[in-house]
């Protein structure tokens, strides 16, 4: 990438970091991205046009979305795109058609932030340089601000070098990766059905600065469940026999969820991350809520964990005479990178001045990612897909209040992705 783009790349990243937006609320972010892509000449599809409502998971309610749309408008959202995004369908898909026969290459980046209050410590780099979060309770603590900026930088290079490319290039700016909630809805509308190549990426994830992993193979299948227990309130001293205790049902379920036996088909994980219940010390709790997740090395393991979790939750509800509602709030699958595409990207990284160490595949457990939905669809239809890791020094771990990236990794990622586009869509095969 040329040096003149670097200041703009940093400016984009810092702006997105300063105004973080959580999943399906990326209204300001998506509007500014759409405005820049339109200026560059891309054909855009927004919101409901590329998101299947029936495949959405964990979307905020209408009141929350409307309130945030007002916040976005007050904090610089581009008014030209607000109507298409204000209802929380915030995906942006941009196509560049060279007009010359060639492959279709799809690049996917994510846009969403996390429900974390960012550190205001004097030595926190975003605080020092004036781009700490201005949206209290929300923070880019995983690097998606960088991913969005990288997507715009690559889009700029494609537009500037259009004569050197053939085929079609598509950029997907995806909402709600956190909680693996957004990807499946885009896949369901066919956004990668014509893809010959699909590439997604992430900064950091334990990979050191100037290191590159061409194919991350360690993502776990996962299900995210939200559970509501509905009981009957009663006076805890005067008439305890009249109550149905939702708190005890939730507590019993929690203990037994963590006791699910492991599965011999691969690694497994389960965690109840939130439990909220009751309204007073002298009241039999008539409501309780759990948020939990299951993860497995493959679909067999995760499906087993999810089925056992549902059985335990239902059983706990029956034991205490309450009612349980279980809602799927997010889901991802396991998927392996295509070896041939990963090998090509590894070769390109070897030639890049931004990397000293290149690895073709890494199978370490990496949590879960809904890019796996795109990868599976592309591979099922005969294309190739991979997920890359761009090394970055981090100020603190992912999902931490002091998280920050080494911004030099933005240049490395942009260089790598544009090299990939040049290689896969070069005008002279």
Protein backbone atom coordinates (compact mmCIF):
# COMPACT_ATOMS: atom_id res chain seq x y z
CA UNK A 1 0.00 0.00 0.00
CA UNK A 2 1.17 3.55 -0.66
CA UNK A 3 2.17 5.84 2.20
CA UNK A 4 -0.40 8.52 1.31
CA UNK A 5 -3.23 6.18 2.37
CA UNK A 6 -1.81 5.51 5.83
CA UNK A 7 -3.01 8.73 7.55
CA UNK A 8 -6.53 8.16 6.25
CA UNK A 9 -6.46 4.54 7.42
CA UNK A 10 -5.49 5.65 10.91
CA UNK A 11 -8.15 8.37 10.88
CA UNK A 12 -10.87 5.89 9.95
CA UNK A 13 -9.79 3.48 12.68
CA UNK A 14 -9.65 6.16 15.36
CA UNK A 15 -13.00 7.60 14.37
CA UNK A 16 -14.68 4.17 14.58
CA UNK A 17 -12.95 3.57 17.91
CA UNK A 18 -14.18 6.88 19.30
CA UNK A 19 -17.78 6.12 18.37
CA UNK A 20 -18.25 2.38 19.01
CA UNK A 21 -21.59 0.72 18.31
CA UNK A 22 -22.70 -2.72 19.41
CA UNK A 23 -24.20 -5.43 17.23
CA UNK A 24 -27.09 -4.39 14.95
CA UNK A 25 -26.63 -0.82 16.20
CA UNK A 26 -23.71 0.08 13.89
CA UNK A 27 -25.81 2.83 12.34
CA UNK A 28 -23.25 5.64 12.41
CA UNK A 29 -20.42 3.29 11.44
CA UNK A 30 -22.29 1.70 8.54
CA UNK A 31 -23.56 5.05 7.22
CA UNK A 32 -20.04 6.49 7.03
CA UNK A 33 -18.72 3.32 5.42
CA UNK A 34 -21.53 3.38 2.86
CA UNK A 35 -20.89 7.05 2.10
CA UNK A 36 -17.19 6.44 1.44
CA UNK A 37 -17.87 3.38 -0.72
CA UNK A 38 -20.45 5.31 -2.74
CA UNK A 39 -17.91 8.08 -3.27
CA UNK A 40 -15.44 5.51 -4.56
CA UNK A 41 -17.97 4.23 -7.08
CA UNK A 42 -19.06 0.91 -5.60
CA UNK A 43 -22.52 -0.56 -6.13
CA UNK A 44 -24.09 -0.80 -2.69
CA UNK A 45 -26.67 -3.06 -1.09
CA UNK A 46 -27.71 -2.15 2.42
CA UNK A 47 -29.65 -3.47 5.38
CA UNK A 48 -32.69 -5.60 4.69
CA UNK A 49 -31.61 -6.07 1.07
CA UNK A 50 -28.79 -8.37 2.25
CA UNK A 51 -30.05 -9.58 5.65
CA UNK A 52 -32.61 -12.36 6.11
CA UNK A 53 -34.81 -11.41 9.06
CA UNK A 54 -35.60 -15.06 9.83
CA UNK A 55 -31.90 -15.85 10.32
CA UNK A 56 -31.17 -12.96 12.70
CA UNK A 57 -30.21 -13.79 16.27
CA UNK A 58 -29.98 -11.55 19.33
CA UNK A 59 -31.15 -8.33 17.67
CA UNK A 60 -31.98 -5.46 20.09
CA UNK A 61 -35.61 -4.44 20.43
CA UNK A 62 -37.14 -1.61 18.45
CA UNK A 63 -36.99 0.92 21.30
CA UNK A 64 -33.28 0.33 21.89
CA UNK A 65 -32.59 0.60 18.17
CA UNK A 66 -34.59 3.80 17.77
CA UNK A 67 -32.83 5.43 20.72
CA UNK A 68 -29.45 4.53 19.29
CA UNK A 69 -30.44 5.80 15.85
CA UNK A 70 -30.99 9.19 17.46
CA UNK A 71 -27.54 8.95 19.10
CA UNK A 72 -25.99 8.05 15.74
CA UNK A 73 -27.63 11.01 14.02
CA UNK A 74 -26.37 13.35 16.75
CA UNK A 75 -22.83 11.96 16.47
CA UNK A 76 -22.19 12.36 12.78
CA UNK A 77 -24.00 9.58 10.92
CA UNK A 78 -24.35 10.31 7.21
CA UNK A 79 -28.00 11.35 6.69
CA UNK A 80 -28.06 9.97 3.14
CA UNK A 81 -27.96 6.41 4.47
CA UNK A 82 -29.80 6.69 7.79
CA UNK A 83 -33.18 5.56 6.48
CA UNK A 84 -31.73 2.29 5.17
CA UNK A 85 -29.93 1.54 8.44
CA UNK A 86 -31.93 3.10 11.30
CA UNK A 87 -33.96 -0.06 11.98
CA UNK A 88 -30.81 -1.98 12.93
CA UNK A 89 -30.31 -3.86 9.69
CA UNK A 90 -26.82 -2.45 9.35
CA UNK A 91 -24.94 -4.61 6.83
CA UNK A 92 -23.15 -2.93 3.93
CA UNK A 93 -22.25 -4.98 0.85
CA UNK A 94 -20.19 -3.26 -1.85
CA UNK A 95 -19.49 -4.65 -5.33
CA UNK A 96 -16.80 -3.67 -7.79
CA UNK A 97 -17.36 -5.16 -11.25
CA UNK A 98 -14.37 -4.73 -13.55
CA UNK A 99 -16.45 -5.54 -16.62
CA UNK A 100 -13.86 -8.14 -17.59
CA UNK A 101 -14.33 -11.90 -17.16
CA UNK A 102 -12.74 -13.28 -14.04
CA UNK A 103 -13.37 -14.72 -10.59
CA UNK A 104 -15.53 -13.28 -7.84
CA UNK A 105 -13.52 -12.56 -4.71
CA UNK A 106 -15.29 -11.69 -1.47
CA UNK A 107 -13.66 -9.98 1.51
CA UNK A 108 -15.52 -9.79 4.83
CA UNK A 109 -14.83 -7.47 7.77
CA UNK A 110 -16.90 -6.82 10.90
CA UNK A 111 -17.98 -3.53 12.46
CA UNK A 112 -19.42 -4.10 15.95
CA UNK A 113 -18.15 -3.14 19.39
CA UNK A 114 -18.59 -4.73 22.82
CA UNK A 115 -20.57 -3.85 25.98
CA UNK A 116 -17.43 -2.72 27.85
CA UNK A 117 -16.67 0.64 29.47
CA UNK A 118 -13.29 1.71 28.10
CA UNK A 119 -10.47 2.56 30.48
CA UNK A 120 -9.75 6.23 31.07
CA UNK A 121 -6.32 5.57 32.61
CA UNK A 122 -3.84 8.30 31.64
CA UNK A 123 -1.49 5.80 30.00
CA UNK A 124 -4.22 4.18 27.85
CA UNK A 125 -3.23 5.06 24.26
CA UNK A 126 -6.71 6.03 22.98
CA UNK A 127 -7.13 8.24 26.05
CA UNK A 128 -3.74 9.86 25.46
CA UNK A 129 -4.51 10.58 21.80
CA UNK A 130 -8.12 11.66 22.07
CA UNK A 131 -10.00 8.75 20.55
CA UNK A 132 -11.25 6.90 23.62
CA UNK A 133 -14.89 5.76 23.40
CA UNK A 134 -17.46 8.55 23.53
CA UNK A 135 -20.29 6.03 23.88
CA UNK A 136 -20.28 5.02 27.57
CA UNK A 137 -20.63 1.30 28.09
CA UNK A 138 -19.50 0.46 24.57
CA UNK A 139 -15.94 -0.11 23.37
CA UNK A 140 -14.00 -1.51 20.45
CA UNK A 141 -12.19 -4.07 22.58
CA UNK A 142 -11.60 -6.68 19.88
CA UNK A 143 -10.21 -4.78 16.89
CA UNK A 144 -13.31 -4.50 14.71
CA UNK A 145 -12.69 -0.75 14.39
CA UNK A 146 -9.43 -1.72 12.71
CA UNK A 147 -11.15 -4.31 10.54
CA UNK A 148 -13.65 -1.75 9.22
CA UNK A 149 -10.85 0.71 8.48
CA UNK A 150 -8.88 -2.00 6.67
CA UNK A 151 -11.95 -2.76 4.54
CA UNK A 152 -12.20 0.89 3.47
CA UNK A 153 -8.47 1.08 2.75
CA UNK A 154 -8.61 -2.02 0.53
CA UNK A 155 -11.70 -0.62 -1.20
CA UNK A 156 -9.74 2.56 -1.92
CA UNK A 157 -6.83 0.65 -3.46
CA UNK A 158 -9.19 -1.40 -5.62
CA UNK A 159 -10.89 1.75 -6.93
CA UNK A 160 -7.56 3.46 -7.59
CA UNK A 161 -6.17 0.47 -9.50
CA UNK A 162 -9.30 -0.65 -11.31
CA UNK A 163 -7.58 -1.08 -14.70
CA UNK A 164 -5.32 -3.78 -13.28
CA UNK A 165 -8.19 -6.02 -12.12
CA UNK A 166 -10.67 -8.40 -13.71
CA UNK A 167 -13.74 -10.20 -12.45
CA UNK A 168 -15.71 -8.98 -9.45
CA UNK A 169 -14.65 -7.97 -5.95
CA UNK A 170 -17.16 -7.77 -3.12
CA UNK A 171 -16.63 -6.27 0.32
CA UNK A 172 -18.96 -7.27 3.15
CA UNK A 173 -19.10 -5.01 6.20
CA UNK A 174 -20.92 -7.23 8.67
CA UNK A 175 -22.80 -6.30 11.85
CA UNK A 176 -23.00 -8.31 15.07
CA UNK A 177 -20.06 -10.68 14.88
CA UNK A 178 -19.79 -10.57 18.66
CA UNK A 179 -22.06 -13.30 19.93
CA UNK A 180 -21.91 -14.79 16.40
CA UNK A 181 -25.26 -13.22 15.54
CA UNK A 182 -25.00 -11.47 12.18
CA UNK A 183 -23.22 -13.61 9.61
CA UNK A 184 -25.86 -16.27 9.09
CA UNK A 185 -28.46 -13.68 8.05
CA UNK A 186 -26.24 -12.41 5.22
CA UNK A 187 -25.35 -15.90 4.02
CA UNK A 188 -29.07 -16.70 3.87
CA UNK A 189 -29.59 -13.93 1.27
CA UNK A 190 -26.95 -15.43 -1.04
CA UNK A 191 -24.21 -12.79 -0.71
CA UNK A 192 -21.48 -15.40 -1.23
CA UNK A 193 -23.32 -17.86 -3.48
CA UNK A 194 -21.30 -16.74 -6.53
CA UNK A 195 -17.96 -16.47 -4.70
CA UNK A 196 -14.91 -18.23 -6.10
CA UNK A 197 -12.79 -16.98 -3.19
CA UNK A 198 -13.72 -15.81 0.30
CA UNK A 199 -11.31 -14.22 2.79
CA UNK A 200 -11.97 -12.98 6.33
CA UNK A 201 -9.41 -11.75 8.84
CA UNK A 202 -8.77 -10.77 12.43
CA UNK A 203 -6.11 -8.68 14.15
CA UNK A 204 -4.27 -10.19 17.11
CA UNK A 205 -5.82 -13.34 18.64
CA UNK A 206 -2.49 -14.33 20.12
CA UNK A 207 -0.48 -13.82 16.92
CA UNK A 208 2.57 -11.56 17.44
CA UNK A 209 3.34 -8.42 15.49
CA UNK A 210 4.74 -9.08 11.98
CA UNK A 211 3.43 -12.65 12.04
CA UNK A 212 0.76 -13.95 9.66
CA UNK A 213 -1.47 -17.03 9.74
CA UNK A 214 -3.01 -17.75 6.35
CA UNK A 215 -5.55 -20.30 7.58
CA UNK A 216 -7.03 -20.31 11.08
CA UNK A 217 -8.50 -23.76 11.65
CA UNK A 218 -9.30 -23.66 15.36
CA UNK A 219 -12.71 -22.02 15.48
CA UNK A 220 -15.27 -23.88 17.58
CA UNK A 221 -18.90 -24.51 16.75
CA UNK A 222 -21.02 -22.55 19.21
CA UNK A 223 -24.56 -21.84 20.37
CA UNK A 224 -25.56 -18.85 22.49
CA UNK A 225 -28.73 -19.31 24.56
CA UNK A 226 -30.82 -16.75 26.44
CA UNK A 227 -33.10 -18.31 29.05
CA UNK A 228 -36.01 -16.72 30.93
CA UNK A 229 -37.58 -18.49 33.91
CA UNK A 230 -41.11 -17.40 34.87
CA UNK A 231 -42.31 -18.25 38.39
CA UNK A 232 -44.80 -16.92 40.92
CA UNK A 233 -43.97 -14.23 43.48
CA UNK A 234 -44.97 -14.60 47.13
CA UNK A 235 -44.05 -13.22 50.55
CA UNK A 236 -41.01 -15.19 51.71
CA UNK A 237 -42.07 -15.05 55.36
CA UNK A 238 -45.86 -14.94 55.20
CA UNK A 239 -46.68 -17.36 52.38
CA UNK A 240 -43.60 -19.04 50.92
CA UNK A 241 -45.69 -22.06 49.89
CA UNK A 242 -47.59 -19.88 47.42
CA UNK A 243 -44.49 -18.98 45.40
CA UNK A 244 -42.73 -20.70 42.54
CA UNK A 245 -39.04 -19.81 42.78
CA UNK A 246 -37.50 -18.87 39.44
CA UNK A 247 -34.19 -17.98 41.12
CA UNK A 248 -33.72 -21.51 42.47
CA UNK A 249 -34.61 -23.00 39.10
CA UNK A 250 -31.97 -20.81 37.44
CA UNK A 251 -29.36 -21.60 40.10
CA UNK A 252 -30.02 -25.34 39.84
CA UNK A 253 -29.78 -25.16 36.06
CA UNK A 254 -26.50 -23.24 36.28
CA UNK A 255 -24.81 -25.78 38.53
CA UNK A 256 -25.95 -28.70 36.42
CA UNK A 257 -25.06 -27.06 33.12
CA UNK A 258 -21.45 -26.89 34.26
CA UNK A 259 -21.64 -30.59 35.16
CA UNK A 260 -22.50 -31.83 31.64
CA UNK A 261 -20.15 -34.74 30.83
CA UNK A 262 -17.55 -34.09 28.15
CA UNK A 263 -17.80 -35.71 24.70
CA UNK A 264 -15.22 -38.06 23.20
CA UNK A 265 -15.52 -36.55 19.72
CA UNK A 266 -13.58 -33.39 20.58
CA UNK A 267 -13.00 -30.42 22.83
CA UNK A 268 -16.02 -28.86 24.51
CA UNK A 269 -16.80 -25.69 26.43
CA UNK A 270 -19.82 -24.43 28.36
CA UNK A 271 -20.27 -21.25 30.35
CA UNK A 272 -23.11 -19.45 32.09
CA UNK A 273 -21.91 -15.88 31.87
CA UNK A 274 -24.89 -14.05 33.37
CA UNK A 275 -27.56 -14.84 35.97
CA UNK A 276 -30.09 -12.21 37.01
CA UNK A 277 -33.00 -12.98 39.32
CA UNK A 278 -35.47 -11.67 41.86
CA UNK A 279 -36.61 -8.30 43.10
CA UNK A 280 -36.15 -8.30 46.90
CA UNK A 281 -34.77 -10.28 49.83
CA UNK A 282 -38.24 -11.07 51.21
CA UNK A 283 -39.87 -11.99 47.90
CA UNK A 284 -39.96 -15.42 46.26
CA UNK A 285 -38.35 -14.64 42.91
CA UNK A 286 -40.85 -14.79 40.07
CA UNK A 287 -38.29 -14.18 37.33
CA UNK A 288 -34.73 -15.15 36.46
CA UNK A 289 -32.58 -14.92 33.36
CA UNK A 290 -29.51 -16.81 32.20
CA UNK A 291 -27.11 -16.12 29.35
CA UNK A 292 -24.95 -19.09 28.42
CA UNK A 293 -22.94 -20.53 25.60
CA UNK A 294 -21.85 -23.95 24.40
CA UNK A 295 -18.84 -24.61 22.18
CA UNK A 296 -17.50 -27.73 20.53
CA UNK A 297 -14.62 -28.69 18.29
CA UNK A 298 -17.22 -29.79 15.77
CA UNK A 299 -20.97 -29.82 15.24
CA UNK A 300 -21.35 -33.23 16.87
CA UNK A 301 -19.91 -31.99 20.15
CA UNK A 302 -21.72 -28.66 20.14
CA UNK A 303 -25.06 -30.20 19.22
CA UNK A 304 -24.64 -32.64 22.10
CA UNK A 305 -23.88 -29.81 24.55
CA UNK A 306 -26.79 -27.69 23.35
CA UNK A 307 -29.23 -30.61 23.59
CA UNK A 308 -28.03 -31.43 27.11
CA UNK A 309 -28.27 -27.78 28.10
CA UNK A 310 -31.86 -27.56 26.89
CA UNK A 311 -32.74 -30.78 28.74
CA UNK A 312 -31.23 -29.52 32.00
CA UNK A 313 -32.94 -26.12 31.75
CA UNK A 314 -36.30 -27.73 31.07
CA UNK A 315 -35.79 -30.19 33.93
CA UNK A 316 -34.85 -27.46 36.41
CA UNK A 317 -37.96 -25.51 35.46
CA UNK A 318 -40.16 -28.57 35.98
CA UNK A 319 -38.51 -29.34 39.33
CA UNK A 320 -39.41 -25.90 40.73
CA UNK A 321 -42.77 -25.60 39.00
CA UNK A 322 -41.80 -22.67 36.82
CA UNK A 323 -41.80 -22.07 33.08
CA UNK A 324 -38.63 -21.73 30.98
CA UNK A 325 -38.26 -19.96 27.65
CA UNK A 326 -35.08 -20.69 25.66
CA UNK A 327 -34.01 -18.43 22.80
CA UNK A 328 -31.13 -19.02 20.40
CA UNK A 329 -29.20 -15.72 20.50
CA UNK A 330 -26.20 -16.63 18.34
CA UNK A 331 -24.66 -19.53 16.47
CA UNK A 332 -21.50 -20.48 14.61
CA UNK A 333 -20.16 -23.65 13.06
CA UNK A 334 -16.71 -25.16 12.73
CA UNK A 335 -15.03 -24.90 9.35
CA UNK A 336 -11.53 -25.52 8.02
CA UNK A 337 -9.75 -23.20 5.58
CA UNK A 338 -9.23 -24.27 1.98
CA UNK A 339 -5.59 -25.44 1.78
CA UNK A 340 -4.92 -24.10 -1.72
CA UNK A 341 -6.14 -20.58 -0.96
CA UNK A 342 -4.30 -20.50 2.39
CA UNK A 343 -1.10 -21.58 0.63
CA UNK A 344 -1.47 -18.76 -1.92
CA UNK A 345 -1.96 -16.16 0.80
CA UNK A 346 1.05 -17.49 2.68
CA UNK A 347 3.19 -16.97 -0.43
CA UNK A 348 1.87 -13.43 -0.81
CA UNK A 349 2.68 -12.68 2.82
CA UNK A 350 6.23 -13.95 2.30
CA UNK A 351 6.66 -11.24 -0.32
CA UNK A 352 5.17 -8.50 1.86
CA UNK A 353 7.51 -6.14 3.75
CA UNK A 354 5.14 -6.25 6.75
CA UNK A 355 5.71 -9.87 7.82
CA UNK A 356 8.72 -11.73 9.16
CA UNK A 357 7.05 -15.02 10.03
CA UNK A 358 4.37 -16.75 7.95
CA UNK A 359 2.35 -19.81 8.91
CA UNK A 360 0.02 -21.58 6.48
CA UNK A 361 -2.34 -23.07 9.09
CA UNK A 362 -2.93 -22.80 12.83
CA UNK A 363 -5.34 -25.15 14.59
CA UNK A 364 -5.25 -23.58 18.09
CA UNK A 365 -8.65 -23.17 19.73
CA UNK A 366 -9.68 -19.61 18.93
CA UNK A 367 -13.21 -19.32 20.26
CA UNK A 368 -15.94 -18.99 17.63
CA UNK A 369 -16.56 -16.89 14.53
CA UNK A 370 -19.61 -16.51 12.32
CA UNK A 371 -17.38 -16.12 9.26
CA UNK A 372 -17.62 -19.92 9.30
CA UNK A 373 -21.13 -19.65 7.80
CA UNK A 374 -19.68 -17.89 4.73
CA UNK A 375 -16.78 -20.32 4.52
CA UNK A 376 -19.04 -23.36 4.58
CA UNK A 377 -21.39 -21.94 1.92
CA UNK A 378 -18.53 -21.00 -0.41
CA UNK A 379 -16.84 -24.38 -0.03
CA UNK A 380 -20.10 -26.27 -0.51
CA UNK A 381 -20.58 -24.46 -3.83
CA UNK A 382 -17.09 -25.28 -5.10
CA UNK A 383 -15.22 -22.15 -4.05
CA UNK A 384 -12.28 -21.66 -1.70
CA UNK A 385 -12.36 -19.88 1.65
CA UNK A 386 -9.99 -18.99 4.46
CA UNK A 387 -9.69 -16.95 7.63
CA UNK A 388 -6.45 -15.04 8.22
CA UNK A 389 -4.82 -13.81 11.40
CA UNK A 390 -2.75 -10.62 11.26
CA UNK A 391 -0.31 -10.35 14.14
CA UNK A 392 -0.55 -7.33 16.41
CA UNK A 393 1.01 -6.27 19.70
CA UNK A 394 -1.86 -5.70 22.12
CA UNK A 395 -2.06 -3.42 25.15
CA UNK A 396 -4.32 -5.99 26.86
CA UNK A 397 -6.23 -9.08 25.88
CA UNK A 398 -9.28 -9.08 23.65
CA UNK A 399 -12.50 -8.00 25.41
CA UNK A 400 -10.52 -6.07 28.05
CA UNK A 401 -11.13 -2.42 29.01
CA UNK A 402 -7.52 -1.53 28.13
CA UNK A 403 -7.45 -3.39 24.81
CA UNK A 404 -5.67 -1.61 21.98
CA UNK A 405 -3.88 -2.72 18.83
CA UNK A 406 -0.53 -1.76 17.38
CA UNK A 407 -1.73 0.39 14.50
CA UNK A 408 1.09 -0.83 12.25
CA UNK A 409 -0.93 -4.04 11.93
CA UNK A 410 -3.52 -2.04 9.96
CA UNK A 411 -0.94 -1.43 7.24
CA UNK A 412 0.07 -5.10 7.23
CA UNK A 413 -3.51 -6.30 6.85
CA UNK A 414 -4.32 -3.81 4.11
CA UNK A 415 -1.18 -4.75 2.20
CA UNK A 416 -1.95 -8.46 2.48
CA UNK A 417 -5.59 -8.20 1.41
CA UNK A 418 -4.81 -5.99 -1.56
CA UNK A 419 -2.02 -8.35 -2.63
CA UNK A 420 -4.62 -11.12 -2.48
CA UNK A 421 -7.03 -9.17 -4.69
CA UNK A 422 -4.25 -8.37 -7.16
CA UNK A 423 -3.24 -12.03 -7.29
CA UNK A 424 -6.71 -13.54 -7.58
CA UNK A 425 -8.21 -10.87 -9.86
CA UNK A 426 -5.22 -9.72 -11.87
CA UNK A 427 -6.05 -8.54 -15.38
CA UNK A 428 -3.55 -10.93 -16.97
CA UNK A 429 -4.07 -14.48 -15.61
